[in-house]
PDB file of N, CA and C in Angstrom:
ATOM      1  N   MET A   1       0.832  -1.161   0.000  1.00  0.00           N
ATOM      2  CA  MET A   1       0.000   0.000   0.000  1.00  0.00           C
ATOM      3  C   MET A   1       0.886   1.237   0.000  1.00  0.00           C
ATOM      4  N   ARG A   2       0.658   2.142  -0.893  1.00  0.00           N
ATOM      5  CA  ARG A   2       1.451   3.352  -1.044  1.00  0.00           C
ATOM      6  C   ARG A   2       0.912   4.450  -0.136  1.00  0.00           C
ATOM      7  N   MET A   3       1.818   5.205   0.471  1.00  0.00           N
ATOM      8  CA  MET A   3       1.416   6.306   1.343  1.00  0.00           C
ATOM      9  C   MET A   3       1.057   7.531   0.504  1.00  0.00           C
ATOM     10  N   THR A   4       0.052   8.243   0.933  1.00  0.00           N
ATOM     11  CA  THR A   4      -0.276   9.511   0.287  1.00  0.00           C
ATOM     12  C   THR A   4       0.724  10.557   0.757  1.00  0.00           C
ATOM     13  N   GLN A   5       0.809  11.684   0.064  1.00  0.00           N
ATOM     14  CA  GLN A   5       1.736  12.741   0.478  1.00  0.00           C
ATOM     15  C   GLN A   5       1.387  13.249   1.877  1.00  0.00           C
ATOM     16  N   ALA A   6       0.113  13.336   2.177  1.00  0.00           N
ATOM     17  CA  ALA A   6      -0.306  13.774   3.512  1.00  0.00           C
ATOM     18  C   ALA A   6       0.184  12.800   4.584  1.00  0.00           C
ATOM     19  N   GLU A   7       0.111  11.505   4.309  1.00  0.00           N
ATOM     20  CA  GLU A   7       0.591  10.503   5.264  1.00  0.00           C
ATOM     21  C   GLU A   7       2.101  10.601   5.441  1.00  0.00           C
ATOM     22  N   VAL A   8       2.821  10.818   4.337  1.00  0.00           N
ATOM     23  CA  VAL A   8       4.275  10.976   4.412  1.00  0.00           C
ATOM     24  C   VAL A   8       4.619  12.209   5.247  1.00  0.00           C
ATOM     25  N   ASP A   9       3.943  13.326   4.973  1.00  0.00           N
ATOM     26  CA  ASP A   9       4.200  14.555   5.723  1.00  0.00           C
ATOM     27  C   ASP A   9       3.929  14.364   7.209  1.00  0.00           C
ATOM     28  N   ALA A  10       2.842  13.674   7.539  1.00  0.00           N
ATOM     29  CA  ALA A  10       2.513  13.424   8.942  1.00  0.00           C
ATOM     30  C   ALA A  10       3.576  12.535   9.584  1.00  0.00           C
ATOM     31  N   TYR A  11       4.046  11.529   8.853  1.00  0.00           N
ATOM     32  CA  TYR A  11       5.086  10.630   9.352  1.00  0.00           C
ATOM     33  C   TYR A  11       6.371  11.415   9.629  1.00  0.00           C
ATOM     34  N   VAL A  12       6.747  12.273   8.687  1.00  0.00           N
ATOM     35  CA  VAL A  12       7.956  13.078   8.845  1.00  0.00           C
ATOM     36  C   VAL A  12       7.842  13.975  10.070  1.00  0.00           C
ATOM     37  N   MET A  13       6.702  14.602  10.240  1.00  0.00           N
ATOM     38  CA  MET A  13       6.500  15.493  11.386  1.00  0.00           C
ATOM     39  C   MET A  13       6.587  14.736  12.715  1.00  0.00           C
ATOM     40  N   ARG A  14       6.053  13.514  12.737  1.00  0.00           N
ATOM     41  CA  ARG A  14       6.101  12.712  13.963  1.00  0.00           C
ATOM     42  C   ARG A  14       7.528  12.305  14.310  1.00  0.00           C
ATOM     43  N   HIS A  15       8.340  12.043  13.289  1.00  0.00           N
ATOM     44  CA  HIS A  15       9.671  11.505  13.534  1.00  0.00           C
ATOM     45  C   HIS A  15      10.789  12.535  13.443  1.00  0.00           C
ATOM     46  N   ALA A  16      10.564  13.659  12.824  1.00  0.00           N
ATOM     47  CA  ALA A  16      11.611  14.668  12.649  1.00  0.00           C
ATOM     48  C   ALA A  16      12.229  15.129  13.964  1.00  0.00           C
ATOM     49  N   PRO A  17      11.457  15.340  15.029  1.00  0.00           N
ATOM     50  CA  PRO A  17      12.089  15.789  16.281  1.00  0.00           C
ATOM     51  C   PRO A  17      13.107  14.800  16.838  1.00  0.00           C
ATOM     52  N   LYS A  18      12.987  13.525  16.489  1.00  0.00           N
ATOM     53  CA  LYS A  18      13.913  12.515  16.982  1.00  0.00           C
ATOM     54  C   LYS A  18      15.256  12.577  16.266  1.00  0.00           C
ATOM     55  N   GLN A  19      15.329  13.356  15.175  1.00  0.00           N
ATOM     56  CA  GLN A  19      16.557  13.432  14.393  1.00  0.00           C
ATOM     57  C   GLN A  19      17.358  14.660  14.811  1.00  0.00           C
ATOM     58  N   ALA A  20      17.698  14.749  16.060  1.00  0.00           N
ATOM     59  CA  ALA A  20      18.407  15.913  16.581  1.00  0.00           C
ATOM     60  C   ALA A  20      19.838  15.945  16.037  1.00  0.00           C
ATOM     61  N   THR A  21      20.409  17.145  16.030  1.00  0.00           N
ATOM     62  CA  THR A  21      21.794  17.311  15.622  1.00  0.00           C
ATOM     63  C   THR A  21      22.678  16.539  16.591  1.00  0.00           C
ATOM     64  N   ARG A  22      23.654  15.850  16.047  1.00  0.00           N
ATOM     65  CA  ARG A  22      24.536  15.044  16.870  1.00  0.00           C
ATOM     66  C   ARG A  22      25.917  15.656  16.905  1.00  0.00           C
ATOM     67  N   LYS A  23      26.575  15.514  18.035  1.00  0.00           N
ATOM     68  CA  LYS A  23      27.942  16.014  18.145  1.00  0.00           C
ATOM     69  C   LYS A  23      28.901  15.070  17.448  1.00  0.00           C
ATOM     70  N   ASP A  24      28.613  13.767  17.526  1.00  0.00           N
ATOM     71  CA  ASP A  24      29.455  12.812  16.832  1.00  0.00           C
ATOM     72  C   ASP A  24      28.937  12.657  15.408  1.00  0.00           C
ATOM     73  N   GLY A  25      29.755  12.158  14.557  1.00  0.00           N
ATOM     74  CA  GLY A  25      29.349  11.998  13.167  1.00  0.00           C
ATOM     75  C   GLY A  25      30.248  12.811  12.261  1.00  0.00           C
ATOM     76  N   CYS A  26      30.045  12.633  10.982  1.00  0.00           N
ATOM     77  CA  CYS A  26      30.933  13.250   9.999  1.00  0.00           C
ATOM     78  C   CYS A  26      30.418  14.622   9.561  1.00  0.00           C
ATOM     79  N   ASP A  27      31.355  15.431   9.092  1.00  0.00           N
ATOM     80  CA  ASP A  27      31.016  16.728   8.518  1.00  0.00           C
ATOM     81  C   ASP A  27      30.936  16.645   7.001  1.00  0.00           C
ATOM     82  N   ASP A  28      31.483  15.574   6.433  1.00  0.00           N
ATOM     83  CA  ASP A  28      31.538  15.411   4.980  1.00  0.00           C
ATOM     84  C   ASP A  28      31.009  14.026   4.616  1.00  0.00           C
ATOM     85  N   GLU A  29      29.801  13.988   4.085  1.00  0.00           N
ATOM     86  CA  GLU A  29      29.176  12.703   3.756  1.00  0.00           C
ATOM     87  C   GLU A  29      29.961  11.930   2.703  1.00  0.00           C
ATOM     88  N   SER A  30      30.622  12.631   1.796  1.00  0.00           N
ATOM     89  CA  SER A  30      31.369  11.931   0.738  1.00  0.00           C
ATOM     90  C   SER A  30      32.515  11.104   1.320  1.00  0.00           C
ATOM     91  N   LYS A  31      33.122  11.577   2.404  1.00  0.00           N
ATOM     92  CA  LYS A  31      34.190  10.802   3.040  1.00  0.00           C
ATOM     93  C   LYS A  31      33.636   9.549   3.701  1.00  0.00           C
ATOM     94  N   LEU A  32      32.439   9.644   4.237  1.00  0.00           N
ATOM     95  CA  LEU A  32      31.791   8.466   4.810  1.00  0.00           C
ATOM     96  C   LEU A  32      31.510   7.443   3.714  1.00  0.00           C
ATOM     97  N   HIS A  33      31.021   7.915   2.561  1.00  0.00           N
ATOM     98  CA  HIS A  33      30.802   7.026   1.421  1.00  0.00           C
ATOM     99  C   HIS A  33      32.111   6.336   1.030  1.00  0.00           C
ATOM    100  N   GLU A  34      33.188   7.107   0.927  1.00  0.00           N
ATOM    101  CA  GLU A  34      34.488   6.551   0.539  1.00  0.00           C
ATOM    102  C   GLU A  34      34.959   5.488   1.523  1.00  0.00           C
ATOM    103  N   SER A  35      34.762   5.729   2.815  1.00  0.00           N
ATOM    104  CA  SER A  35      35.165   4.755   3.835  1.00  0.00           C
ATOM    105  C   SER A  35      34.381   3.456   3.707  1.00  0.00           C
ATOM    106  N   ILE A  36      33.081   3.564   3.469  1.00  0.00           N
ATOM    107  CA  ILE A  36      32.242   2.362   3.317  1.00  0.00           C
ATOM    108  C   ILE A  36      32.644   1.596   2.068  1.00  0.00           C
ATOM    109  N   ILE A  37      32.860   2.304   0.976  1.00  0.00           N
ATOM    110  CA  ILE A  37      33.295   1.657  -0.266  1.00  0.00           C
ATOM    111  C   ILE A  37      34.624   0.944  -0.047  1.00  0.00           C
ATOM    112  N   GLY A  38      35.577   1.635   0.582  1.00  0.00           N
ATOM    113  CA  GLY A  38      36.883   1.029   0.836  1.00  0.00           C
ATOM    114  C   GLY A  38      36.779  -0.224   1.683  1.00  0.00           C
ATOM    115  N   TYR A  39      35.921  -0.188   2.687  1.00  0.00           N
ATOM    116  CA  TYR A  39      35.749  -1.353   3.553  1.00  0.00           C
ATOM    117  C   TYR A  39      35.169  -2.522   2.768  1.00  0.00           C
ATOM    118  N   CYS A  40      34.127  -2.252   1.989  1.00  0.00           N
ATOM    119  CA  CYS A  40      33.485  -3.322   1.210  1.00  0.00           C
ATOM    120  C   CYS A  40      34.469  -3.948   0.217  1.00  0.00           C
ATOM    121  N   GLU A  41      35.281  -3.109  -0.390  1.00  0.00           N
ATOM    122  CA  GLU A  41      36.236  -3.607  -1.385  1.00  0.00           C
ATOM    123  C   GLU A  41      37.439  -4.299  -0.754  1.00  0.00           C
ATOM    124  N   SER A  42      37.666  -4.082   0.550  1.00  0.00           N
ATOM    125  CA  SER A  42      38.797  -4.727   1.220  1.00  0.00           C
ATOM    126  C   SER A  42      38.465  -6.139   1.710  1.00  0.00           C
ATOM    127  N   GLN A  43      37.197  -6.513   1.664  1.00  0.00           N
ATOM    128  CA  GLN A  43      36.780  -7.841   2.130  1.00  0.00           C
ATOM    129  C   GLN A  43      37.118  -8.890   1.076  1.00  0.00           C
ATOM    130  N   TRP A  44      37.277 -10.121   1.531  1.00  0.00           N
ATOM    131  CA  TRP A  44      37.501 -11.208   0.581  1.00  0.00           C
ATOM    132  C   TRP A  44      36.522 -12.327   0.855  1.00  0.00           C
ATOM    133  N   PRO A  45      35.707 -12.703  -0.128  1.00  0.00           N
ATOM    134  CA  PRO A  45      35.575 -11.991  -1.405  1.00  0.00           C
ATOM    135  C   PRO A  45      34.967 -10.604  -1.196  1.00  0.00           C
ATOM    136  N   LYS A  46      35.203  -9.726  -2.171  1.00  0.00           N
ATOM    137  CA  LYS A  46      34.706  -8.357  -2.069  1.00  0.00           C
ATOM    138  C   LYS A  46      33.202  -8.353  -1.861  1.00  0.00           C
ATOM    139  N   TRP A  47      32.753  -7.444  -1.001  1.00  0.00           N
ATOM    140  CA  TRP A  47      31.321  -7.266  -0.798  1.00  0.00           C
ATOM    141  C   TRP A  47      30.802  -6.386  -1.921  1.00  0.00           C
ATOM    142  N   LYS A  48      29.877  -6.902  -2.690  1.00  0.00           N
ATOM    143  CA  LYS A  48      29.268  -6.131  -3.777  1.00  0.00           C
ATOM    144  C   LYS A  48      28.233  -5.177  -3.202  1.00  0.00           C
ATOM    145  N   PHE A  49      28.056  -4.061  -3.866  1.00  0.00           N
ATOM    146  CA  PHE A  49      27.101  -3.071  -3.386  1.00  0.00           C
ATOM    147  C   PHE A  49      26.558  -2.257  -4.549  1.00  0.00           C
ATOM    148  N   ILE A  50      25.408  -1.674  -4.316  1.00  0.00           N
ATOM    149  CA  ILE A  50      24.813  -0.701  -5.230  1.00  0.00           C
ATOM    150  C   ILE A  50      24.827   0.611  -4.468  1.00  0.00           C
ATOM    151  N   ARG A  51      25.307   1.653  -5.120  1.00  0.00           N
ATOM    152  CA  ARG A  51      25.420   2.959  -4.458  1.00  0.00           C
ATOM    153  C   ARG A  51      24.722   4.008  -5.298  1.00  0.00           C
ATOM    154  N   CYS A  52      23.918   4.816  -4.644  1.00  0.00           N
ATOM    155  CA  CYS A  52      23.267   5.942  -5.322  1.00  0.00           C
ATOM    156  C   CYS A  52      24.257   7.085  -5.464  1.00  0.00           C
ATOM    157  N   ARG A  53      24.068   7.874  -6.497  1.00  0.00           N
ATOM    158  CA  ARG A  53      24.907   9.046  -6.711  1.00  0.00           C
ATOM    159  C   ARG A  53      24.650  10.082  -5.635  1.00  0.00           C
ATOM    160  N   MET A  54      25.672  10.860  -5.324  1.00  0.00           N
ATOM    161  CA  MET A  54      25.519  11.909  -4.317  1.00  0.00           C
ATOM    162  C   MET A  54      25.195  13.265  -4.936  1.00  0.00           C
ATOM    163  N   ASP A  55      25.460  13.425  -6.222  1.00  0.00           N
ATOM    164  CA  ASP A  55      25.329  14.744  -6.837  1.00  0.00           C
ATOM    165  C   ASP A  55      23.925  15.071  -7.321  1.00  0.00           C
ATOM    166  N   LYS A  56      23.019  14.114  -7.216  1.00  0.00           N
ATOM    167  CA  LYS A  56      21.634  14.364  -7.599  1.00  0.00           C
ATOM    168  C   LYS A  56      20.735  13.370  -6.887  1.00  0.00           C
ATOM    169  N   PRO A  57      19.418  13.622  -6.887  1.00  0.00           N
ATOM    170  CA  PRO A  57      18.506  12.663  -6.243  1.00  0.00           C
ATOM    171  C   PRO A  57      18.672  11.259  -6.824  1.00  0.00           C
ATOM    172  N   SER A  58      18.320  10.294  -6.033  1.00  0.00           N
ATOM    173  CA  SER A  58      18.516   8.889  -6.392  1.00  0.00           C
ATOM    174  C   SER A  58      18.050   8.568  -7.798  1.00  0.00           C
ATOM    175  N   THR A  59      18.894   7.839  -8.509  1.00  0.00           N
ATOM    176  CA  THR A  59      18.532   7.368  -9.841  1.00  0.00           C
ATOM    177  C   THR A  59      17.977   5.944  -9.781  1.00  0.00           C
ATOM    178  N   ILE A  60      17.983   5.351  -8.600  1.00  0.00           N
ATOM    179  CA  ILE A  60      17.432   4.004  -8.428  1.00  0.00           C
ATOM    180  C   ILE A  60      15.930   4.095  -8.208  1.00  0.00           C
ATOM    181  N   ALA A  61      15.539   4.821  -7.173  1.00  0.00           N
ATOM    182  CA  ALA A  61      14.134   5.074  -6.848  1.00  0.00           C
ATOM    183  C   ALA A  61      14.113   6.284  -5.930  1.00  0.00           C
ATOM    184  N   LYS A  62      13.098   7.073  -6.038  1.00  0.00           N
ATOM    185  CA  LYS A  62      12.994   8.287  -5.240  1.00  0.00           C
ATOM    186  C   LYS A  62      12.981   7.931  -3.750  1.00  0.00           C
ATOM    187  N   GLY A  63      13.971   8.456  -3.008  1.00  0.00           N
ATOM    188  CA  GLY A  63      14.055   8.203  -1.579  1.00  0.00           C
ATOM    189  C   GLY A  63      14.880   6.990  -1.188  1.00  0.00           C
ATOM    190  N   ALA A  64      15.401   6.240  -2.176  1.00  0.00           N
ATOM    191  CA  ALA A  64      16.156   5.020  -1.873  1.00  0.00           C
ATOM    192  C   ALA A  64      17.424   5.324  -1.084  1.00  0.00           C
ATOM    193  N   GLN A  65      17.853   4.350  -0.301  1.00  0.00           N
ATOM    194  CA  GLN A  65      19.046   4.473   0.525  1.00  0.00           C
ATOM    195  C   GLN A  65      20.297   4.643  -0.338  1.00  0.00           C
ATOM    196  N   ASP A  66      21.365   5.165   0.283  1.00  0.00           N
ATOM    197  CA  ASP A  66      22.625   5.395  -0.430  1.00  0.00           C
ATOM    198  C   ASP A  66      23.292   4.088  -0.844  1.00  0.00           C
ATOM    199  N   PHE A  67      23.288   3.099   0.037  1.00  0.00           N
ATOM    200  CA  PHE A  67      23.964   1.829  -0.235  1.00  0.00           C
ATOM    201  C   PHE A  67      23.022   0.653  -0.009  1.00  0.00           C
ATOM    202  N   THR A  68      23.087  -0.303  -0.906  1.00  0.00           N
ATOM    203  CA  THR A  68      22.539  -1.635  -0.684  1.00  0.00           C
ATOM    204  C   THR A  68      23.750  -2.548  -0.778  1.00  0.00           C
ATOM    205  N   ILE A  69      24.123  -3.152   0.344  1.00  0.00           N
ATOM    206  CA  ILE A  69      25.351  -3.940   0.428  1.00  0.00           C
ATOM    207  C   ILE A  69      24.983  -5.408   0.564  1.00  0.00           C
ATOM    208  N   PHE A  70      25.594  -6.223  -0.293  1.00  0.00           N
ATOM    209  CA  PHE A  70      25.330  -7.655  -0.321  1.00  0.00           C
ATOM    210  C   PHE A  70      26.425  -8.354   0.487  1.00  0.00           C
ATOM    211  N   LEU A  71      26.065  -8.756   1.710  1.00  0.00           N
ATOM    212  CA  LEU A  71      26.999  -9.368   2.642  1.00  0.00           C
ATOM    213  C   LEU A  71      27.071 -10.879   2.422  1.00  0.00           C
ATOM    214  N   PRO A  72      28.067 -11.522   3.026  1.00  0.00           N
ATOM    215  CA  PRO A  72      28.149 -12.982   2.937  1.00  0.00           C
ATOM    216  C   PRO A  72      26.894 -13.648   3.520  1.00  0.00           C
ATOM    217  N   ASN A  73      26.696 -14.883   3.159  1.00  0.00           N
ATOM    218  CA  ASN A  73      25.587 -15.710   3.659  1.00  0.00           C
ATOM    219  C   ASN A  73      24.219 -15.181   3.256  1.00  0.00           C
ATOM    220  N   GLY A  74      24.146 -14.473   2.134  1.00  0.00           N
ATOM    221  CA  GLY A  74      22.859 -14.039   1.608  1.00  0.00           C
ATOM    222  C   GLY A  74      22.219 -12.874   2.334  1.00  0.00           C
ATOM    223  N   ARG A  75      22.949 -12.197   3.212  1.00  0.00           N
ATOM    224  CA  ARG A  75      22.397 -11.053   3.939  1.00  0.00           C
ATOM    225  C   ARG A  75      22.534  -9.780   3.103  1.00  0.00           C
ATOM    226  N   THR A  76      21.630  -8.846   3.321  1.00  0.00           N
ATOM    227  CA  THR A  76      21.647  -7.558   2.633  1.00  0.00           C
ATOM    228  C   THR A  76      21.527  -6.453   3.670  1.00  0.00           C
ATOM    229  N   LEU A  77      22.314  -5.404   3.482  1.00  0.00           N
ATOM    230  CA  LEU A  77      22.325  -4.277   4.404  1.00  0.00           C
ATOM    231  C   LEU A  77      21.976  -3.007   3.628  1.00  0.00           C
ATOM    232  N   CYS A  78      20.946  -2.300   4.075  1.00  0.00           N
ATOM    233  CA  CYS A  78      20.520  -1.047   3.441  1.00  0.00           C
ATOM    234  C   CYS A  78      20.983   0.098   4.323  1.00  0.00           C
ATOM    235  N   VAL A  79      21.811   1.005   3.766  1.00  0.00           N
ATOM    236  CA  VAL A  79      22.440   2.064   4.552  1.00  0.00           C
ATOM    237  C   VAL A  79      22.202   3.424   3.919  1.00  0.00           C
ATOM    238  N   GLU A  80      21.736   4.354   4.728  1.00  0.00           N
ATOM    239  CA  GLU A  80      21.602   5.758   4.332  1.00  0.00           C
ATOM    240  C   GLU A  80      22.643   6.543   5.128  1.00  0.00           C
ATOM    241  N   CYS A  81      23.508   7.265   4.430  1.00  0.00           N
ATOM    242  CA  CYS A  81      24.548   8.068   5.076  1.00  0.00           C
ATOM    243  C   CYS A  81      24.053   9.495   5.255  1.00  0.00           C
ATOM    244  N   LYS A  82      24.343  10.056   6.407  1.00  0.00           N
ATOM    245  CA  LYS A  82      23.984  11.444   6.698  1.00  0.00           C
ATOM    246  C   LYS A  82      25.117  12.100   7.464  1.00  0.00           C
ATOM    247  N   LYS A  83      25.305  13.396   7.236  1.00  0.00           N
ATOM    248  CA  LYS A  83      26.240  14.164   8.044  1.00  0.00           C
ATOM    249  C   LYS A  83      25.684  14.228   9.458  1.00  0.00           C
ATOM    250  N   LYS A  84      26.495  14.665  10.396  1.00  0.00           N
ATOM    251  CA  LYS A  84      26.056  14.669  11.795  1.00  0.00           C
ATOM    252  C   LYS A  84      24.801  15.492  12.015  1.00  0.00           C
ATOM    253  N   ASP A  85      24.541  16.483  11.166  1.00  0.00           N
ATOM    254  CA  ASP A  85      23.341  17.303  11.325  1.00  0.00           C
ATOM    255  C   ASP A  85      22.317  17.065  10.213  1.00  0.00           C
ATOM    256  N   GLY A  86      22.528  16.024   9.402  1.00  0.00           N
ATOM    257  CA  GLY A  86      21.633  15.740   8.280  1.00  0.00           C
ATOM    258  C   GLY A  86      20.339  15.061   8.715  1.00  0.00           C
ATOM    259  N   LYS A  87      19.280  15.329   7.968  1.00  0.00           N
ATOM    260  CA  LYS A  87      17.977  14.726   8.244  1.00  0.00           C
ATOM    261  C   LYS A  87      17.457  14.037   6.990  1.00  0.00           C
ATOM    262  N   LEU A  88      16.654  13.010   7.191  1.00  0.00           N
ATOM    263  CA  LEU A  88      15.994  12.361   6.077  1.00  0.00           C
ATOM    264  C   LEU A  88      14.933  13.304   5.517  1.00  0.00           C
ATOM    265  N   ASP A  89      14.830  13.362   4.182  1.00  0.00           N
ATOM    266  CA  ASP A  89      13.754  14.166   3.605  1.00  0.00           C
ATOM    267  C   ASP A  89      12.487  13.311   3.522  1.00  0.00           C
ATOM    268  N   SER A  90      11.393  13.907   3.078  1.00  0.00           N
ATOM    269  CA  SER A  90      10.111  13.187   3.086  1.00  0.00           C
ATOM    270  C   SER A  90      10.138  11.972   2.163  1.00  0.00           C
ATOM    271  N   ASP A  91      10.839  12.047   1.025  1.00  0.00           N
ATOM    272  CA  ASP A  91      10.939  10.885   0.139  1.00  0.00           C
ATOM    273  C   ASP A  91      11.692   9.747   0.815  1.00  0.00           C
ATOM    274  N   GLN A  92      12.786  10.082   1.508  1.00  0.00           N
ATOM    275  CA  GLN A  92      13.567   9.064   2.204  1.00  0.00           C
ATOM    276  C   GLN A  92      12.780   8.456   3.364  1.00  0.00           C
ATOM    277  N   MET A  93      12.023   9.278   4.080  1.00  0.00           N
ATOM    278  CA  MET A  93      11.196   8.766   5.172  1.00  0.00           C
ATOM    279  C   MET A  93      10.111   7.834   4.638  1.00  0.00           C
ATOM    280  N   GLY A  94       9.492   8.238   3.546  1.00  0.00           N
ATOM    281  CA  GLY A  94       8.467   7.398   2.934  1.00  0.00           C
ATOM    282  C   GLY A  94       9.023   6.073   2.463  1.00  0.00           C
ATOM    283  N   TRP A  95      10.193   6.119   1.813  1.00  0.00           N
ATOM    284  CA  TRP A  95      10.855   4.900   1.331  1.00  0.00           C
ATOM    285  C   TRP A  95      11.168   3.975   2.515  1.00  0.00           C
ATOM    286  N   ALA A  96      11.760   4.544   3.566  1.00  0.00           N
ATOM    287  CA  ALA A  96      12.126   3.736   4.736  1.00  0.00           C
ATOM    288  C   ALA A  96      10.889   3.115   5.372  1.00  0.00           C
ATOM    289  N   HIS A  97       9.805   3.865   5.421  1.00  0.00           N
ATOM    290  CA  HIS A  97       8.559   3.354   5.999  1.00  0.00           C
ATOM    291  C   HIS A  97       8.021   2.173   5.178  1.00  0.00           C
ATOM    292  N   GLU A  98       8.015   2.322   3.869  1.00  0.00           N
ATOM    293  CA  GLU A  98       7.517   1.228   3.022  1.00  0.00           C
ATOM    294  C   GLU A  98       8.445   0.020   3.089  1.00  0.00           C
ATOM    295  N   MET A  99       9.753   0.252   3.155  1.00  0.00           N
ATOM    296  CA  MET A  99      10.693  -0.863   3.281  1.00  0.00           C
ATOM    297  C   MET A  99      10.462  -1.595   4.605  1.00  0.00           C
ATOM    298  N   GLN A 100      10.212  -0.832   5.671  1.00  0.00           N
ATOM    299  CA  GLN A 100       9.961  -1.445   6.972  1.00  0.00           C
ATOM    300  C   GLN A 100       8.704  -2.314   6.928  1.00  0.00           C
ATOM    301  N   LYS A 101       7.673  -1.851   6.237  1.00  0.00           N
ATOM    302  CA  LYS A 101       6.445  -2.644   6.113  1.00  0.00           C
ATOM    303  C   LYS A 101       6.696  -3.961   5.395  1.00  0.00           C
ATOM    304  N   ASN A 102       7.755  -3.992   4.562  1.00  0.00           N
ATOM    305  CA  ASN A 102       8.113  -5.209   3.840  1.00  0.00           C
ATOM    306  C   ASN A 102       9.208  -6.011   4.544  1.00  0.00           C
ATOM    307  N   GLY A 103       9.523  -5.635   5.786  1.00  0.00           N
ATOM    308  CA  GLY A 103      10.473  -6.414   6.571  1.00  0.00           C
ATOM    309  C   GLY A 103      11.930  -6.019   6.424  1.00  0.00           C
ATOM    310  N   HIS A 104      12.212  -4.870   5.827  1.00  0.00           N
ATOM    311  CA  HIS A 104      13.593  -4.412   5.646  1.00  0.00           C
ATOM    312  C   HIS A 104      13.835  -3.186   6.520  1.00  0.00           C
ATOM    313  N   THR A 105      15.078  -2.995   6.931  1.00  0.00           N
ATOM    314  CA  THR A 105      15.440  -1.846   7.746  1.00  0.00           C
ATOM    315  C   THR A 105      16.432  -0.985   6.987  1.00  0.00           C
ATOM    316  N   ILE A 106      16.172   0.319   6.957  1.00  0.00           N
ATOM    317  CA  ILE A 106      17.125   1.273   6.412  1.00  0.00           C
ATOM    318  C   ILE A 106      17.910   1.801   7.613  1.00  0.00           C
ATOM    319  N   HIS A 107      19.198   1.536   7.638  1.00  0.00           N
ATOM    320  CA  HIS A 107      20.058   1.969   8.738  1.00  0.00           C
ATOM    321  C   HIS A 107      20.660   3.321   8.382  1.00  0.00           C
ATOM    322  N   VAL A 108      20.420   4.326   9.219  1.00  0.00           N
ATOM    323  CA  VAL A 108      21.005   5.645   9.017  1.00  0.00           C
ATOM    324  C   VAL A 108      22.295   5.703   9.823  1.00  0.00           C
ATOM    325  N   VAL A 109      23.411   5.972   9.137  1.00  0.00           N
ATOM    326  CA  VAL A 109      24.701   6.069   9.810  1.00  0.00           C
ATOM    327  C   VAL A 109      25.281   7.459   9.580  1.00  0.00           C
ATOM    328  N   ARG A 110      25.925   7.971  10.609  1.00  0.00           N
ATOM    329  CA  ARG A 110      26.511   9.314  10.566  1.00  0.00           C
ATOM    330  C   ARG A 110      28.028   9.284  10.717  1.00  0.00           C
ATOM    331  N   SER A 111      28.571   8.094  10.901  1.00  0.00           N
ATOM    332  CA  SER A 111      30.022   7.940  11.020  1.00  0.00           C
ATOM    333  C   SER A 111      30.389   6.528  10.566  1.00  0.00           C
ATOM    334  N   PHE A 112      31.673   6.355  10.260  1.00  0.00           N
ATOM    335  CA  PHE A 112      32.152   5.034   9.862  1.00  0.00           C
ATOM    336  C   PHE A 112      32.034   4.062  11.033  1.00  0.00           C
ATOM    337  N   GLU A 113      32.216   4.552  12.248  1.00  0.00           N
ATOM    338  CA  GLU A 113      32.082   3.696  13.432  1.00  0.00           C
ATOM    339  C   GLU A 113      30.662   3.143  13.554  1.00  0.00           C
ATOM    340  N   GLU A 114      29.653   3.989  13.266  1.00  0.00           N
ATOM    341  CA  GLU A 114      28.263   3.501  13.289  1.00  0.00           C
ATOM    342  C   GLU A 114      28.050   2.433  12.228  1.00  0.00           C
ATOM    343  N   PHE A 115      28.670   2.601  11.081  1.00  0.00           N
ATOM    344  CA  PHE A 115      28.567   1.585  10.028  1.00  0.00           C
ATOM    345  C   PHE A 115      29.162   0.266  10.520  1.00  0.00           C
ATOM    346  N   LEU A 116      30.340   0.326  11.120  1.00  0.00           N
ATOM    347  CA  LEU A 116      30.988  -0.899  11.587  1.00  0.00           C
ATOM    348  C   LEU A 116      30.150  -1.618  12.649  1.00  0.00           C
ATOM    349  N   LYS A 117      29.437  -0.870  13.481  1.00  0.00           N
ATOM    350  CA  LYS A 117      28.588  -1.481  14.513  1.00  0.00           C
ATOM    351  C   LYS A 117      27.450  -2.299  13.893  1.00  0.00           C
ATOM    352  N   LEU A 118      27.024  -1.935  12.684  1.00  0.00           N
ATOM    353  CA  LEU A 118      25.959  -2.697  12.022  1.00  0.00           C
ATOM    354  C   LEU A 118      26.416  -4.104  11.660  1.00  0.00           C
ATOM    355  N   LEU A 119      27.727  -4.265  11.489  1.00  0.00           N
ATOM    356  CA  LEU A 119      28.261  -5.537  11.019  1.00  0.00           C
ATOM    357  C   LEU A 119      28.425  -6.493  12.161  1.00  0.00           C
TER     358      LEU A 119
END
């Protein structure tokens, strides 16, 4: 079932206050992307991933996470990278909500250390 724009807006309003600015986390999201890519490529066998472009809205699907990482043993990790003060927009919130309804979790990480904790 697809959410209406009003439902997405209401969802964002309910959850936006929980996305407070954090003292920890990165100031440059591109460096976080580079660290995740480097980690995935350093594994043996290499962890394959799909990554959305940073210079424009997602070309995969509107609101889709930055990384879909294919881990060993058939596991998949969905990761959205944000700067320490970054917030999910309404498209990203809607996407995450629909993914959750289908049993998937979008993990928001603000530092490489948070990414490593997911593993």
